[in-house]
Amino acid sequence: MSVRYLSCGDTAFSVEFGNEISPEINGRVMALHAAIGQATKGGELAGVVETVPSMRALMVCYDPMATSRAKLEPEIEGLIARGLPTDMKSRQVTIPCCYDDPEFAPDLKEVAERTKKKPEEVIASHLASRFKVYVLGFMPGLAYIAGLEKSLYLPRRSQPRVRVPRSTVAIAMDMTTIYPFESPGGWHLIGRTPLWMFDQRREQPVFLAPGDSLTFQRIDRKSYDRIARDVEAGTFDWARLVKSA
């Protein structure tokens, strides 16, 4: 797989691993992200400020008074040539989701009709999907989560909504997402989680992270309301949703 380097002004450049969105390419992006982090902690790659992963590329930001692309690029090529780790540790995250309330899933019936399924089959397919968080973007805490079961692939809505409630679970293309705030949105709304994807009261305000493996767990409205109360009060045990792989 060839690697391409593109300048992003005089303080950053992009390391591109391909033109497609795939687990393999994103895995290499995340592996280089981790390798550069380890190298900088070890005193290597002087001048690197941060690295920002995307679905298929890694942006390397640097201090132009301390280093340059001409110096960093061969050093990064060396990291890649030595081999990027393929056994990186990741988190396995379970997201409780209520699909049963029409208020939470206003597009479920339409999604079922367009994919020639029953609503229960749409829910079952979403639950059976094995998702991975590729990147965060658009707003704090919004994760682009790939791995949707192919039979549910649909383009975005032709008419986006002005307001999508916080914690809504939605699908579009080969992805699902969870809206961290009330916002405009053009994805298909099929459920809602009682969790907050962004909460400034937590030590780490953003819950999901690139590289996380993710599955959804179906809950009823009673369970939704109970968990929502705990989240609102700040007493919910977030650790029980996460396992190390």
Protein backbone atom coordinates (compact mmCIF):
# COMPACT_ATOMS: atom_id res chain seq x y z
CA MET A 1 0.00 0.00 0.00
CA SER A 2 1.60 3.28 -1.11
CA VAL A 3 1.79 6.27 1.21
CA ARG A 4 1.36 9.85 0.01
CA TYR A 5 2.49 13.02 1.82
CA LEU A 6 0.66 16.31 1.28
CA SER A 7 1.58 19.68 2.78
CA CYS A 8 -1.05 21.50 4.86
CA GLY A 9 0.49 24.95 5.12
CA ASP A 10 3.79 25.47 6.91
CA THR A 11 2.79 23.79 10.20
CA ALA A 12 1.37 20.43 9.14
CA PHE A 13 1.32 17.71 6.51
CA SER A 14 -0.96 14.75 5.83
CA VAL A 15 0.15 11.13 5.61
CA GLU A 16 -2.39 9.42 3.33
CA PHE A 17 -2.71 5.64 3.20
CA GLY A 18 -5.32 5.38 0.45
CA ASN A 19 -8.45 6.80 -1.15
CA GLU A 20 -10.92 4.33 0.32
CA ILE A 21 -12.62 3.99 3.68
CA SER A 22 -11.77 0.54 5.00
CA PRO A 23 -10.83 -1.12 8.31
CA GLU A 24 -7.36 -1.90 6.95
CA ILE A 25 -6.56 1.67 5.93
CA ASN A 26 -8.02 3.16 9.10
CA GLY A 27 -6.09 0.59 11.12
CA ARG A 28 -2.82 1.80 9.59
CA VAL A 29 -3.77 5.41 10.32
CA MET A 30 -4.43 4.61 13.97
CA ALA A 31 -1.26 2.50 14.21
CA LEU A 32 0.88 5.37 12.91
CA HIS A 33 -0.94 7.75 15.28
CA ALA A 34 0.06 5.47 18.18
CA ALA A 35 3.62 4.96 16.89
CA ILE A 36 4.27 8.70 16.60
CA GLY A 37 2.83 9.21 20.08
CA GLN A 38 5.20 6.59 21.51
CA ALA A 39 8.17 8.05 19.60
CA THR A 40 7.55 11.59 20.84
CA LYS A 41 7.22 10.37 24.43
CA GLY A 42 10.57 8.64 23.97
CA GLY A 43 12.25 11.87 22.89
CA GLU A 44 12.11 11.25 19.14
CA LEU A 45 10.43 13.36 16.45
CA ALA A 46 11.28 16.69 18.07
CA GLY A 47 8.89 19.47 17.15
CA VAL A 48 5.77 17.34 16.64
CA VAL A 49 2.85 19.14 18.32
CA GLU A 50 0.06 16.60 17.71
CA THR A 51 -1.30 14.10 15.22
CA VAL A 52 -4.92 14.10 14.08
CA PRO A 53 -6.32 10.84 12.64
CA SER A 54 -9.03 10.75 9.99
CA MET A 55 -10.60 7.82 8.17
CA ARG A 56 -7.74 7.35 5.71
CA ALA A 57 -5.00 9.81 6.66
CA LEU A 58 -3.05 11.21 9.59
CA MET A 59 -2.32 14.90 9.90
CA VAL A 60 1.03 15.63 11.56
CA CYS A 61 1.15 19.10 13.12
CA TYR A 62 4.54 20.53 14.03
CA ASP A 63 6.28 23.63 15.32
CA PRO A 64 7.98 25.22 12.28
CA MET A 65 10.51 26.90 14.57
CA ALA A 66 11.68 23.49 15.80
CA THR A 67 11.40 21.23 12.76
CA SER A 68 10.06 20.94 9.21
CA ARG A 69 8.26 18.55 6.91
CA ALA A 70 11.58 17.86 5.15
CA LYS A 71 13.02 16.60 8.44
CA LEU A 72 9.96 14.79 9.78
CA GLU A 73 8.85 12.98 6.61
CA PRO A 74 11.84 10.60 6.39
CA GLU A 75 11.60 9.93 10.12
CA ILE A 76 7.95 8.96 9.74
CA GLU A 77 8.80 6.88 6.67
CA GLY A 78 11.25 5.05 8.91
CA LEU A 79 8.51 4.32 11.46
CA ILE A 80 6.31 2.91 8.71
CA ALA A 81 9.16 0.88 7.21
CA ARG A 82 9.85 -0.75 10.59
CA GLY A 83 6.27 -2.01 10.57
CA LEU A 84 3.18 -0.59 12.20
CA PRO A 85 1.63 -2.63 15.03
CA THR A 86 -1.33 -4.78 14.03
CA ASP A 87 -2.24 -5.94 17.56
CA MET A 88 -3.13 -2.59 19.05
CA LYS A 89 -5.29 -2.69 22.15
CA SER A 90 -8.77 -1.28 21.69
CA ARG A 91 -11.87 -0.83 23.78
CA GLN A 92 -15.04 -2.84 23.32
CA VAL A 93 -17.95 -0.52 24.05
CA THR A 94 -21.61 -1.45 24.49
CA ILE A 95 -24.21 1.26 23.85
CA PRO A 96 -27.74 0.76 25.27
CA CYS A 97 -30.35 1.88 22.75
CA CYS A 98 -34.14 2.13 22.82
CA TYR A 99 -35.75 1.53 19.42
CA ASP A 100 -39.33 1.10 20.60
CA ASP A 101 -40.59 4.62 21.18
CA PRO A 102 -41.79 6.36 17.97
CA GLU A 103 -40.43 9.62 19.39
CA PHE A 104 -36.97 8.05 19.46
CA ALA A 105 -37.17 6.32 16.07
CA PRO A 106 -39.22 8.49 13.69
CA ASP A 107 -37.52 7.02 10.58
CA LEU A 108 -37.61 3.34 11.55
CA LYS A 109 -40.73 2.55 9.52
CA GLU A 110 -39.41 4.36 6.43
CA VAL A 111 -36.03 2.63 6.71
CA ALA A 112 -37.87 -0.71 6.89
CA GLU A 113 -39.89 0.09 3.78
CA ARG A 114 -36.87 1.27 1.77
CA THR A 115 -34.76 -1.74 2.73
CA LYS A 116 -37.67 -4.17 2.25
CA LYS A 117 -37.59 -5.28 5.86
CA LYS A 118 -39.89 -5.25 8.83
CA PRO A 119 -39.04 -2.74 11.59
CA GLU A 120 -37.97 -5.59 13.87
CA GLU A 121 -35.62 -6.84 11.15
CA VAL A 122 -34.06 -3.38 10.84
CA ILE A 123 -33.45 -3.37 14.59
CA ALA A 124 -32.02 -6.88 14.48
CA SER A 125 -29.64 -5.94 11.66
CA HIS A 126 -28.45 -2.85 13.51
CA LEU A 127 -27.86 -4.90 16.66
CA ALA A 128 -25.97 -7.55 14.67
CA SER A 129 -23.64 -5.00 13.04
CA ARG A 130 -20.07 -4.95 14.34
CA PHE A 131 -19.04 -1.34 14.43
CA LYS A 132 -15.74 0.49 14.72
CA VAL A 133 -15.23 4.16 15.52
CA TYR A 134 -13.17 5.63 12.67
CA VAL A 135 -12.99 9.31 13.53
CA LEU A 136 -14.59 12.11 15.54
CA GLY A 137 -15.82 15.24 13.79
CA PHE A 138 -18.57 17.72 12.91
CA MET A 139 -19.09 18.56 16.61
CA PRO A 140 -17.46 17.52 19.91
CA GLY A 141 -18.19 13.87 20.64
CA LEU A 142 -19.78 12.92 17.32
CA ALA A 143 -18.28 9.64 16.15
CA TYR A 144 -18.35 8.31 12.59
CA ILE A 145 -18.91 4.61 13.23
CA ALA A 146 -18.51 2.23 10.29
CA GLY A 147 -19.63 -1.37 9.94
CA LEU A 148 -23.38 -1.12 9.32
CA GLU A 149 -24.92 -4.29 7.93
CA LYS A 150 -25.05 -3.91 4.14
CA SER A 151 -28.78 -4.49 3.85
CA LEU A 152 -29.35 -1.20 5.75
CA TYR A 153 -27.27 1.03 3.45
CA LEU A 154 -29.21 4.18 2.55
CA PRO A 155 -28.07 7.64 1.43
CA ARG A 156 -28.65 10.63 3.67
CA ARG A 157 -32.14 12.10 3.77
CA SER A 158 -32.93 14.43 0.88
CA GLN A 159 -34.30 16.97 3.39
CA PRO A 160 -32.19 17.26 6.58
CA ARG A 161 -33.93 18.06 9.84
CA VAL A 162 -33.32 21.38 11.54
CA ARG A 163 -33.24 19.71 14.98
CA VAL A 164 -32.18 16.19 15.91
CA PRO A 165 -32.40 15.47 19.67
CA ARG A 166 -29.27 14.73 21.65
CA SER A 167 -28.31 11.04 21.93
CA THR A 168 -30.30 10.04 18.85
CA VAL A 169 -28.93 6.95 17.07
CA ALA A 170 -28.94 7.35 13.29
CA ILE A 171 -27.74 5.59 10.13
CA ALA A 172 -26.59 6.65 6.65
CA MET A 173 -24.42 4.96 4.01
CA ASP A 174 -22.38 2.25 5.77
CA MET A 175 -22.31 4.07 9.10
CA THR A 176 -24.17 4.79 12.29
CA THR A 177 -23.70 7.71 14.66
CA ILE A 178 -24.98 9.14 17.93
CA TYR A 179 -25.75 12.86 18.07
CA PRO A 180 -23.92 14.36 21.09
CA PHE A 181 -26.03 17.54 21.07
CA GLU A 182 -29.30 18.72 19.60
CA SER A 183 -28.32 19.82 16.12
CA PRO A 184 -29.32 19.78 12.45
CA GLY A 185 -28.89 16.40 10.79
CA GLY A 186 -29.68 14.46 7.64
CA TRP A 187 -29.27 10.85 8.78
CA HIS A 188 -32.10 8.36 9.40
CA LEU A 189 -33.19 8.30 13.04
CA ILE A 190 -33.84 4.77 14.32
CA GLY A 191 -33.35 4.92 18.09
CA ARG A 192 -31.97 6.79 21.07
CA THR A 193 -29.48 6.01 23.80
CA PRO A 194 -29.81 7.40 27.33
CA LEU A 195 -26.05 8.08 27.32
CA TRP A 196 -24.44 11.46 26.67
CA MET A 197 -21.60 11.25 24.16
CA PHE A 198 -20.21 14.54 25.51
CA ASP A 199 -20.40 15.57 29.16
CA GLN A 200 -18.04 18.26 30.43
CA ARG A 201 -18.47 17.00 34.00
CA ARG A 202 -16.48 13.86 33.19
CA GLU A 203 -12.69 13.78 33.36
CA GLN A 204 -12.76 12.74 29.69
CA PRO A 205 -15.81 14.63 28.32
CA VAL A 206 -15.94 12.67 25.01
CA PHE A 207 -17.04 9.06 25.58
CA LEU A 208 -16.10 7.36 22.31
CA ALA A 209 -12.64 7.36 20.72
CA PRO A 210 -11.18 6.36 17.33
CA GLY A 211 -10.38 2.65 17.32
CA ASP A 212 -13.20 1.64 19.66
CA SER A 213 -15.16 -1.48 18.73
CA LEU A 214 -18.84 -0.91 19.36
CA THR A 215 -22.08 -2.87 19.63
CA PHE A 216 -25.58 -1.77 20.52
CA GLN A 217 -27.72 -3.40 23.21
CA ARG A 218 -31.48 -3.12 23.01
CA ILE A 219 -33.29 -1.71 26.05
CA ASP A 220 -36.94 -0.89 26.72
CA ARG A 221 -38.31 2.53 27.65
CA LYS A 222 -38.32 1.75 31.37
CA SER A 223 -34.62 0.90 31.30
CA TYR A 224 -33.95 3.95 29.14
CA ASP A 225 -35.59 6.24 31.68
CA ARG A 226 -33.68 4.67 34.59
CA ILE A 227 -30.30 5.03 32.90
CA ALA A 228 -31.16 8.54 31.72
CA ARG A 229 -31.84 9.60 35.32
CA ASP A 230 -28.45 8.25 36.42
CA VAL A 231 -26.65 9.98 33.55
CA GLU A 232 -28.41 13.26 34.32
CA ALA A 233 -27.46 12.98 38.00
CA GLY A 234 -23.86 12.09 37.20
CA THR A 235 -24.09 8.75 39.04
CA PHE A 236 -24.05 6.38 36.07
CA ASP A 237 -21.26 3.76 36.07
CA TRP A 238 -19.69 4.29 32.64
CA ALA A 239 -16.96 1.72 33.26
CA ARG A 240 -19.41 -1.17 32.98
CA LEU A 241 -19.94 -0.38 29.30
CA VAL A 242 -16.26 -0.75 28.39
CA LYS A 243 -13.97 -3.77 28.12
CA SER A 244 -10.38 -3.88 26.90
CA ALA A 245 -9.74 -6.05 23.84
